[in-house]
Amino acid sequence: MFIRPGSTGDLAVPLMLGTAQGGLEVGAHAVRRPAPSGITLKATLADLNAVGGIAQSAVTGITLPNINADGTLGTQTINVSLVTTNAADPWYEDALPSSRTDNHDGIREKLGIIAAAINDARAVSPADPLFPWTATVDGTRLVIRPTGAPDRDDLLATTLATTGTNIATRFNVNTGAYVLGAGGLGVGGFHVPGTPGDDGAAPLSSDYDDAYPVIDREVDLFNLMVLAPDAAVPVQDLYGNASVFCQKRRAVLLMDAPATWASV
């Protein structure tokens, strides 16, 4: 049995557990798979219950950020109709002929309609960067992702809202990639700018020698070792110990000769 979304506790039809079976119950790690990047409907039962209880006619469009011709951010509203049964019916009622839940799979049905509307808006001009969004339905999550600029976290800073009924609090906003180091501006508040990286000190020939026992202990089998020249450690300083180590392990040693070496 399951609780009908938006209800006060009345029991609905018998139902297999799990989203794969047509249910609203989600697995313990469902919120982590796939990683929620972009603008994503939360997959908690509380959020599904809240969304499932609103009227089908309450949501008539979805507003997303777009990119103006001058590169600044604007907004664009996509009109959608989510009325599949009756205008006053809640979202959880569906008109799917193959519904396995006594026509109570309306949340996924409505999310699919929204996703299709977003993708249709994108398909009008696929090469147009001014509307950089695609959408999918992952189980009971609507995922809206930017295309072409996954590291533009400022593109996700605008709140997702729906016309008529604002369900923005039911969505997470997250960027799919972050700019590391001091260049990470943290636009949108998704991360704190870092500090410049540190390559560390130049290696010593003893650092290479110290690595051979570790390799001998932790690597069962290898047949090739490649050592490139380094300004701080000339490759000729490494040749002796490296060749002895590779001989013991029956491995081939490739040495990249520096330009200062004479022909052999």
C-alpha atoms as a PDB file:
ATOM      1  CA  MET A   1       0.000   0.000   0.000  1.00  0.00           C
ATOM      2  CA  PHE A   2       1.109   3.593  -0.426  1.00  0.00           C
ATOM      3  CA  ILE A   3      -0.081   7.035   0.607  1.00  0.00           C
ATOM      4  CA  ARG A   4      -1.598   8.985  -2.259  1.00  0.00           C
ATOM      5  CA  PRO A   5       0.512  12.144  -2.829  1.00  0.00           C
ATOM      6  CA  GLY A   6      -1.228  15.266  -1.599  1.00  0.00           C
ATOM      7  CA  SER A   7      -3.627  13.330   0.573  1.00  0.00           C
ATOM      8  CA  THR A   8      -4.162  13.485   4.307  1.00  0.00           C
ATOM      9  CA  GLY A   9      -3.463   9.814   4.721  1.00  0.00           C
ATOM     10  CA  ASP A  10      -6.105   7.929   2.732  1.00  0.00           C
ATOM     11  CA  LEU A  11      -4.777   4.642   1.389  1.00  0.00           C
ATOM     12  CA  ALA A  12      -4.654   4.083  -2.327  1.00  0.00           C
ATOM     13  CA  VAL A  13      -4.269   0.981  -4.446  1.00  0.00           C
ATOM     14  CA  PRO A  14      -1.782  -1.845  -3.730  1.00  0.00           C
ATOM     15  CA  LEU A  15       1.524  -1.049  -5.363  1.00  0.00           C
ATOM     16  CA  MET A  16       4.955  -2.565  -5.831  1.00  0.00           C
ATOM     17  CA  LEU A  17       7.629  -0.619  -3.980  1.00  0.00           C
ATOM     18  CA  GLY A  18      10.258   1.357  -5.861  1.00  0.00           C
ATOM     19  CA  THR A  19      10.213   3.815  -8.727  1.00  0.00           C
ATOM     20  CA  ALA A  20      11.078   1.070 -11.210  1.00  0.00           C
ATOM     21  CA  GLN A  21       7.774  -0.611 -10.349  1.00  0.00           C
ATOM     22  CA  GLY A  22       5.718   2.548 -10.787  1.00  0.00           C
ATOM     23  CA  GLY A  23       5.823   3.595  -7.139  1.00  0.00           C
ATOM     24  CA  LEU A  24       6.890   6.801  -5.457  1.00  0.00           C
ATOM     25  CA  GLU A  25       9.091   5.121  -2.880  1.00  0.00           C
ATOM     26  CA  VAL A  26      12.738   5.826  -3.632  1.00  0.00           C
ATOM     27  CA  GLY A  27      15.819   3.834  -2.696  1.00  0.00           C
ATOM     28  CA  ALA A  28      18.117   4.882   0.108  1.00  0.00           C
ATOM     29  CA  HIS A  29      20.736   6.193  -2.320  1.00  0.00           C
ATOM     30  CA  ALA A  30      18.417   7.405  -5.080  1.00  0.00           C
ATOM     31  CA  VAL A  31      19.213  11.040  -4.364  1.00  0.00           C
ATOM     32  CA  ARG A  32      22.851  10.315  -5.237  1.00  0.00           C
ATOM     33  CA  ARG A  33      22.312   8.511  -8.551  1.00  0.00           C
ATOM     34  CA  PRO A  34      22.811  10.120 -10.956  1.00  0.00           C
ATOM     35  CA  ALA A  35      24.635  13.067  -9.403  1.00  0.00           C
ATOM     36  CA  PRO A  36      22.111  15.927  -9.167  1.00  0.00           C
ATOM     37  CA  SER A  37      23.639  18.668 -11.308  1.00  0.00           C
ATOM     38  CA  GLY A  38      21.653  21.374 -13.047  1.00  0.00           C
ATOM     39  CA  ILE A  39      18.212  22.207 -11.644  1.00  0.00           C
ATOM     40  CA  THR A  40      16.790  19.044 -10.118  1.00  0.00           C
ATOM     41  CA  LEU A  41      13.491  18.200  -8.451  1.00  0.00           C
ATOM     42  CA  LYS A  42      14.226  16.731  -5.028  1.00  0.00           C
ATOM     43  CA  ALA A  43      13.323  13.054  -4.849  1.00  0.00           C
ATOM     44  CA  THR A  44      12.160  12.970  -1.235  1.00  0.00           C
ATOM     45  CA  LEU A  45       8.710  11.677  -0.332  1.00  0.00           C
ATOM     46  CA  ALA A  46       7.891  15.009   1.307  1.00  0.00           C
ATOM     47  CA  ASP A  47       8.632  16.904  -1.912  1.00  0.00           C
ATOM     48  CA  LEU A  48       6.798  14.369  -4.076  1.00  0.00           C
ATOM     49  CA  ASN A  49       3.809  14.565  -1.732  1.00  0.00           C
ATOM     50  CA  ALA A  50       3.753  18.373  -1.957  1.00  0.00           C
ATOM     51  CA  VAL A  51       4.070  18.416  -5.746  1.00  0.00           C
ATOM     52  CA  GLY A  52       1.593  15.576  -6.204  1.00  0.00           C
ATOM     53  CA  GLY A  53      -1.126  17.432  -4.316  1.00  0.00           C
ATOM     54  CA  ILE A  54      -1.225  20.630  -6.394  1.00  0.00           C
ATOM     55  CA  ALA A  55      -3.888  21.045  -9.050  1.00  0.00           C
ATOM     56  CA  GLN A  56      -3.066  20.163 -12.631  1.00  0.00           C
ATOM     57  CA  SER A  57      -4.178  23.627 -13.784  1.00  0.00           C
ATOM     58  CA  ALA A  58      -2.061  25.489 -11.225  1.00  0.00           C
ATOM     59  CA  VAL A  59       1.137  25.223 -13.255  1.00  0.00           C
ATOM     60  CA  THR A  60       0.954  26.768 -16.704  1.00  0.00           C
ATOM     61  CA  GLY A  61       4.617  27.423 -17.469  1.00  0.00           C
ATOM     62  CA  ILE A  62       8.179  27.130 -16.317  1.00  0.00           C
ATOM     63  CA  THR A  63      10.686  29.991 -16.172  1.00  0.00           C
ATOM     64  CA  LEU A  64      14.388  29.375 -16.822  1.00  0.00           C
ATOM     65  CA  PRO A  65      17.440  31.586 -17.255  1.00  0.00           C
ATOM     66  CA  ASN A  66      18.585  32.318 -20.779  1.00  0.00           C
ATOM     67  CA  ILE A  67      21.528  34.210 -22.247  1.00  0.00           C
ATOM     68  CA  ASN A  68      20.882  37.573 -23.852  1.00  0.00           C
ATOM     69  CA  ALA A  69      22.642  38.565 -27.053  1.00  0.00           C
ATOM     70  CA  ASP A  70      25.040  40.774 -25.081  1.00  0.00           C
ATOM     71  CA  GLY A  71      26.019  37.861 -22.814  1.00  0.00           C
ATOM     72  CA  THR A  72      23.979  38.937 -19.797  1.00  0.00           C
ATOM     73  CA  LEU A  73      21.435  36.643 -18.182  1.00  0.00           C
ATOM     74  CA  GLY A  74      17.715  36.958 -18.730  1.00  0.00           C
ATOM     75  CA  THR A  75      14.708  34.690 -18.307  1.00  0.00           C
ATOM     76  CA  GLN A  76      12.416  32.786 -20.633  1.00  0.00           C
ATOM     77  CA  THR A  77       9.045  31.271 -19.787  1.00  0.00           C
ATOM     78  CA  ILE A  78       7.893  28.117 -21.537  1.00  0.00           C
ATOM     79  CA  ASN A  79       4.144  27.602 -21.535  1.00  0.00           C
ATOM     80  CA  VAL A  80       2.929  24.094 -20.670  1.00  0.00           C
ATOM     81  CA  SER A  81      -0.420  22.477 -20.008  1.00  0.00           C
ATOM     82  CA  LEU A  82      -0.370  19.775 -17.354  1.00  0.00           C
ATOM     83  CA  VAL A  83      -4.100  19.040 -17.449  1.00  0.00           C
ATOM     84  CA  THR A  84      -4.379  15.415 -18.508  1.00  0.00           C
ATOM     85  CA  THR A  85      -7.555  14.440 -16.621  1.00  0.00           C
ATOM     86  CA  ASN A  86      -9.435  17.418 -15.134  1.00  0.00           C
ATOM     87  CA  ALA A  87      -8.189  20.911 -14.291  1.00  0.00           C
ATOM     88  CA  ALA A  88      -8.946  20.568 -10.582  1.00  0.00           C
ATOM     89  CA  ASP A  89      -7.457  17.074 -10.269  1.00  0.00           C
ATOM     90  CA  PRO A  90      -4.137  16.799  -8.424  1.00  0.00           C
ATOM     91  CA  TRP A  91      -0.899  16.043 -10.177  1.00  0.00           C
ATOM     92  CA  TYR A  92      -0.784  12.425  -9.048  1.00  0.00           C
ATOM     93  CA  GLU A  93      -3.757  11.466 -11.250  1.00  0.00           C
ATOM     94  CA  ASP A  94      -2.643  10.449 -14.726  1.00  0.00           C
ATOM     95  CA  ALA A  95      -4.222   9.581 -18.039  1.00  0.00           C
ATOM     96  CA  LEU A  96      -1.679   6.950 -19.011  1.00  0.00           C
ATOM     97  CA  PRO A  97      -3.430   3.982 -20.631  1.00  0.00           C
ATOM     98  CA  SER A  98      -0.690   1.623 -19.444  1.00  0.00           C
ATOM     99  CA  SER A  99      -0.577   2.903 -15.860  1.00  0.00           C
ATOM    100  CA  ARG A 100       0.177   0.151 -13.317  1.00  0.00           C
ATOM    101  CA  THR A 101      -0.872   2.321 -10.391  1.00  0.00           C
ATOM    102  CA  ASP A 102      -4.605   2.739 -11.016  1.00  0.00           C
ATOM    103  CA  ASN A 103      -3.778   5.990 -12.842  1.00  0.00           C
ATOM    104  CA  HIS A 104      -1.891   7.465  -9.908  1.00  0.00           C
ATOM    105  CA  ASP A 105       1.440   7.943 -11.694  1.00  0.00           C
ATOM    106  CA  GLY A 106       0.734  11.553 -12.568  1.00  0.00           C
ATOM    107  CA  ILE A 107       3.897  13.045 -11.075  1.00  0.00           C
ATOM    108  CA  ARG A 108       6.110  11.344 -13.625  1.00  0.00           C
ATOM    109  CA  GLU A 109       3.562  12.060 -16.318  1.00  0.00           C
ATOM    110  CA  LYS A 110       3.606  15.809 -15.562  1.00  0.00           C
ATOM    111  CA  LEU A 111       7.393  15.919 -15.224  1.00  0.00           C
ATOM    112  CA  GLY A 112       7.646  14.227 -18.614  1.00  0.00           C
ATOM    113  CA  ILE A 113       5.412  16.911 -20.146  1.00  0.00           C
ATOM    114  CA  ILE A 114       7.598  19.678 -18.696  1.00  0.00           C
ATOM    115  CA  ALA A 115      10.784  17.953 -19.899  1.00  0.00           C
ATOM    116  CA  ALA A 116       9.343  17.565 -23.402  1.00  0.00           C
ATOM    117  CA  ALA A 117       8.367  21.253 -23.498  1.00  0.00           C
ATOM    118  CA  ILE A 118      11.893  22.306 -22.508  1.00  0.00           C
ATOM    119  CA  ASN A 119      13.456  20.012 -25.103  1.00  0.00           C
ATOM    120  CA  ASP A 120      11.013  21.230 -27.763  1.00  0.00           C
ATOM    121  CA  ALA A 121      12.006  24.826 -27.010  1.00  0.00           C
ATOM    122  CA  ARG A 122      15.625  23.835 -27.439  1.00  0.00           C
ATOM    123  CA  ALA A 123      14.902  21.917 -30.655  1.00  0.00           C
ATOM    124  CA  VAL A 124      13.427  24.993 -32.337  1.00  0.00           C
ATOM    125  CA  SER A 125      16.974  26.243 -32.827  1.00  0.00           C
ATOM    126  CA  PRO A 126      19.497  23.619 -31.647  1.00  0.00           C
ATOM    127  CA  ALA A 127      22.473  25.844 -32.411  1.00  0.00           C
ATOM    128  CA  ASP A 128      21.038  28.855 -30.581  1.00  0.00           C
ATOM    129  CA  PRO A 129      23.018  29.361 -27.337  1.00  0.00           C
ATOM    130  CA  LEU A 130      20.440  31.800 -25.965  1.00  0.00           C
ATOM    131  CA  PHE A 131      18.354  28.927 -24.563  1.00  0.00           C
ATOM    132  CA  PRO A 132      20.935  26.431 -23.309  1.00  0.00           C
ATOM    133  CA  TRP A 133      18.733  23.831 -21.599  1.00  0.00           C
ATOM    134  CA  THR A 134      17.841  20.181 -21.973  1.00  0.00           C
ATOM    135  CA  ALA A 135      15.673  18.132 -19.616  1.00  0.00           C
ATOM    136  CA  THR A 136      15.252  14.493 -18.599  1.00  0.00           C
ATOM    137  CA  VAL A 137      13.131  12.595 -16.102  1.00  0.00           C
ATOM    138  CA  ASP A 138      15.221  10.317 -13.890  1.00  0.00           C
ATOM    139  CA  GLY A 139      12.751   8.207 -11.928  1.00  0.00           C
ATOM    140  CA  THR A 140      10.766  10.830 -10.045  1.00  0.00           C
ATOM    141  CA  ARG A 141      13.225  13.670 -10.610  1.00  0.00           C
ATOM    142  CA  LEU A 142      13.006  16.339 -13.277  1.00  0.00           C
ATOM    143  CA  VAL A 143      16.586  17.256 -14.211  1.00  0.00           C
ATOM    144  CA  ILE A 144      17.228  20.418 -16.232  1.00  0.00           C
ATOM    145  CA  ARG A 145      20.831  20.863 -17.373  1.00  0.00           C
ATOM    146  CA  PRO A 146      22.635  23.570 -19.336  1.00  0.00           C
ATOM    147  CA  THR A 147      24.258  22.518 -22.596  1.00  0.00           C
ATOM    148  CA  GLY A 148      27.588  23.660 -23.921  1.00  0.00           C
ATOM    149  CA  ALA A 149      28.698  25.391 -20.707  1.00  0.00           C
ATOM    150  CA  PRO A 150      28.430  22.935 -17.791  1.00  0.00           C
ATOM    151  CA  ASP A 151      30.905  24.949 -15.716  1.00  0.00           C
ATOM    152  CA  ARG A 152      28.894  28.169 -15.895  1.00  0.00           C
ATOM    153  CA  ASP A 153      27.465  28.026 -12.421  1.00  0.00           C
ATOM    154  CA  ASP A 154      26.140  31.571 -12.792  1.00  0.00           C
ATOM    155  CA  LEU A 155      23.715  30.217 -15.385  1.00  0.00           C
ATOM    156  CA  LEU A 156      22.057  28.230 -12.615  1.00  0.00           C
ATOM    157  CA  ALA A 157      21.850  31.061 -10.116  1.00  0.00           C
ATOM    158  CA  THR A 158      18.383  32.199 -11.226  1.00  0.00           C
ATOM    159  CA  THR A 159      15.613  30.540  -9.223  1.00  0.00           C
ATOM    160  CA  LEU A 160      13.513  28.035 -11.096  1.00  0.00           C
ATOM    161  CA  ALA A 161       9.845  28.963 -10.808  1.00  0.00           C
ATOM    162  CA  THR A 162       6.535  27.962 -12.330  1.00  0.00           C
ATOM    163  CA  THR A 163       3.770  30.321 -13.349  1.00  0.00           C
ATOM    164  CA  GLY A 164       0.717  30.240 -11.070  1.00  0.00           C
ATOM    165  CA  THR A 165       2.219  27.955  -8.414  1.00  0.00           C
ATOM    166  CA  ASN A 166       5.856  28.439  -7.462  1.00  0.00           C
ATOM    167  CA  ILE A 167       7.435  25.084  -6.613  1.00  0.00           C
ATOM    168  CA  ALA A 168      10.992  26.416  -6.632  1.00  0.00           C
ATOM    169  CA  THR A 169      11.551  25.252  -3.047  1.00  0.00           C
ATOM    170  CA  ARG A 170      11.169  21.679  -4.297  1.00  0.00           C
ATOM    171  CA  PHE A 171      14.234  21.968  -6.548  1.00  0.00           C
ATOM    172  CA  ASN A 172      17.988  21.782  -5.967  1.00  0.00           C
ATOM    173  CA  VAL A 173      20.350  23.943  -7.992  1.00  0.00           C
ATOM    174  CA  ASN A 174      23.876  22.699  -8.572  1.00  0.00           C
ATOM    175  CA  THR A 175      26.560  23.076 -11.202  1.00  0.00           C
ATOM    176  CA  GLY A 176      28.002  20.056 -12.962  1.00  0.00           C
ATOM    177  CA  ALA A 177      31.603  21.283 -12.946  1.00  0.00           C
ATOM    178  CA  TYR A 178      33.623  23.743 -10.912  1.00  0.00           C
ATOM    179  CA  VAL A 179      36.499  26.061 -11.791  1.00  0.00           C
ATOM    180  CA  LEU A 180      39.389  25.118  -9.511  1.00  0.00           C
ATOM    181  CA  GLY A 181      42.034  27.301  -7.925  1.00  0.00           C
ATOM    182  CA  ALA A 182      41.988  31.081  -7.738  1.00  0.00           C
ATOM    183  CA  GLY A 183      39.969  31.211 -10.966  1.00  0.00           C
ATOM    184  CA  GLY A 184      36.981  29.618  -9.253  1.00  0.00           C
ATOM    185  CA  LEU A 185      34.848  32.673  -8.716  1.00  0.00           C
ATOM    186  CA  GLY A 186      32.116  30.849  -6.843  1.00  0.00           C
ATOM    187  CA  VAL A 187      29.394  32.594  -8.858  1.00  0.00           C
ATOM    188  CA  GLY A 188      26.043  31.537  -7.474  1.00  0.00           C
ATOM    189  CA  GLY A 189      27.544  30.497  -4.146  1.00  0.00           C
ATOM    190  CA  PHE A 190      28.281  26.900  -5.116  1.00  0.00           C
ATOM    191  CA  HIS A 191      31.908  26.904  -4.029  1.00  0.00           C
ATOM    192  CA  VAL A 192      34.538  29.108  -2.430  1.00  0.00           C
ATOM    193  CA  PRO A 193      37.381  30.375  -4.639  1.00  0.00           C
ATOM    194  CA  GLY A 194      40.561  28.420  -4.065  1.00  0.00           C
ATOM    195  CA  THR A 195      44.185  29.445  -3.915  1.00  0.00           C
ATOM    196  CA  PRO A 196      46.825  29.102  -6.631  1.00  0.00           C
ATOM    197  CA  GLY A 197      48.181  25.590  -6.920  1.00  0.00           C
ATOM    198  CA  ASP A 198      51.602  24.530  -5.688  1.00  0.00           C
ATOM    199  CA  ASP A 199      53.713  22.166  -7.790  1.00  0.00           C
ATOM    200  CA  GLY A 200      55.956  21.465  -4.828  1.00  0.00           C
ATOM    201  CA  ALA A 201      59.736  21.267  -4.761  1.00  0.00           C
ATOM    202  CA  ALA A 202      61.828  19.801  -7.563  1.00  0.00           C
ATOM    203  CA  PRO A 203      62.429  16.036  -7.224  1.00  0.00           C
ATOM    204  CA  LEU A 204      65.747  14.576  -6.138  1.00  0.00           C
ATOM    205  CA  SER A 205      67.397  11.419  -7.439  1.00  0.00           C
ATOM    206  CA  SER A 206      66.813   9.941  -3.972  1.00  0.00           C
ATOM    207  CA  ASP A 207      63.056  10.416  -4.471  1.00  0.00           C
ATOM    208  CA  TYR A 208      63.241   8.078  -7.459  1.00  0.00           C
ATOM    209  CA  ASP A 209      65.353   5.584  -5.521  1.00  0.00           C
ATOM    210  CA  ASP A 210      62.829   5.636  -2.653  1.00  0.00           C
ATOM    211  CA  ALA A 211      60.039   4.745  -5.082  1.00  0.00           C
ATOM    212  CA  TYR A 212      61.574   1.455  -6.232  1.00  0.00           C
ATOM    213  CA  PRO A 213      61.027  -0.434  -2.942  1.00  0.00           C
ATOM    214  CA  VAL A 214      57.434   0.799  -2.869  1.00  0.00           C
ATOM    215  CA  ILE A 215      56.848  -0.457  -6.401  1.00  0.00           C
ATOM    216  CA  ASP A 216      58.544  -3.741  -5.552  1.00  0.00           C
ATOM    217  CA  ARG A 217      56.266  -4.185  -2.567  1.00  0.00           C
ATOM    218  CA  GLU A 218      52.928  -2.988  -3.967  1.00  0.00           C
ATOM    219  CA  VAL A 219      53.018  -3.761  -7.718  1.00  0.00           C
ATOM    220  CA  ASP A 220      52.726  -7.467  -8.503  1.00  0.00           C
ATOM    221  CA  LEU A 221      53.737  -7.303 -12.131  1.00  0.00           C
ATOM    222  CA  PHE A 222      54.933  -4.660 -14.576  1.00  0.00           C
ATOM    223  CA  ASN A 223      56.958  -4.937 -17.761  1.00  0.00           C
ATOM    224  CA  LEU A 224      57.749  -1.349 -18.691  1.00  0.00           C
ATOM    225  CA  MET A 225      59.208   1.667 -16.876  1.00  0.00           C
ATOM    226  CA  VAL A 226      59.571   5.052 -18.575  1.00  0.00           C
ATOM    227  CA  LEU A 227      61.758   7.807 -17.093  1.00  0.00           C
ATOM    228  CA  ALA A 228      61.752  11.201 -18.790  1.00  0.00           C
ATOM    229  CA  PRO A 229      64.539  13.744 -18.265  1.00  0.00           C
ATOM    230  CA  ASP A 230      64.025  16.505 -15.739  1.00  0.00           C
ATOM    231  CA  ALA A 231      65.997  19.708 -15.402  1.00  0.00           C
ATOM    232  CA  ALA A 232      66.440  19.104 -11.673  1.00  0.00           C
ATOM    233  CA  VAL A 233      67.419  15.425 -11.986  1.00  0.00           C
ATOM    234  CA  PRO A 234      69.398  14.533 -15.127  1.00  0.00           C
ATOM    235  CA  VAL A 235      68.315  11.188 -16.459  1.00  0.00           C
ATOM    236  CA  GLN A 236      71.898   9.890 -16.425  1.00  0.00           C
ATOM    237  CA  ASP A 237      71.814  10.170 -12.623  1.00  0.00           C
ATOM    238  CA  LEU A 238      68.894   7.734 -12.560  1.00  0.00           C
ATOM    239  CA  TYR A 239      70.052   5.199 -15.111  1.00  0.00           C
ATOM    240  CA  GLY A 240      72.119   2.944 -12.844  1.00  0.00           C
ATOM    241  CA  ASN A 241      69.617   2.217 -10.059  1.00  0.00           C
ATOM    242  CA  ALA A 242      66.625   2.204 -12.423  1.00  0.00           C
ATOM    243  CA  SER A 243      68.237  -0.349 -14.772  1.00  0.00           C
ATOM    244  CA  VAL A 244      69.203  -2.633 -11.889  1.00  0.00           C
ATOM    245  CA  PHE A 245      65.672  -2.493 -10.505  1.00  0.00           C
ATOM    246  CA  CYS A 246      64.102  -3.258 -13.904  1.00  0.00           C
ATOM    247  CA  GLN A 247      66.544  -6.123 -14.495  1.00  0.00           C
ATOM    248  CA  LYS A 248      65.434  -7.750 -11.240  1.00  0.00           C
ATOM    249  CA  ARG A 249      61.777  -7.383 -12.249  1.00  0.00           C
ATOM    250  CA  ARG A 250      62.430  -8.504 -15.841  1.00  0.00           C
ATOM    251  CA  ALA A 251      61.048  -5.190 -17.124  1.00  0.00           C
ATOM    252  CA  VAL A 252      62.038  -2.936 -20.017  1.00  0.00           C
ATOM    253  CA  LEU A 253      63.444   0.472 -19.096  1.00  0.00           C
ATOM    254  CA  LEU A 254      62.924   3.388 -21.509  1.00  0.00           C
ATOM    255  CA  MET A 255      65.118   6.399 -20.931  1.00  0.00           C
ATOM    256  CA  ASP A 256      64.311   9.649 -22.766  1.00  0.00           C
ATOM    257  CA  ALA A 257      67.728  11.112 -23.502  1.00  0.00           C
ATOM    258  CA  PRO A 258      68.082  14.863 -22.977  1.00  0.00           C
ATOM    259  CA  ALA A 259      69.272  17.038 -25.849  1.00  0.00           C
ATOM    260  CA  THR A 260      72.638  17.535 -24.147  1.00  0.00           C
ATOM    261  CA  TRP A 261      73.524  13.852 -24.474  1.00  0.00           C
ATOM    262  CA  ALA A 262      75.895  12.890 -27.232  1.00  0.00           C
ATOM    263  CA  SER A 263      74.932  10.220 -29.704  1.00  0.00           C
ATOM    264  CA  VAL A 264      75.555   6.705 -28.499  1.00  0.00           C
END
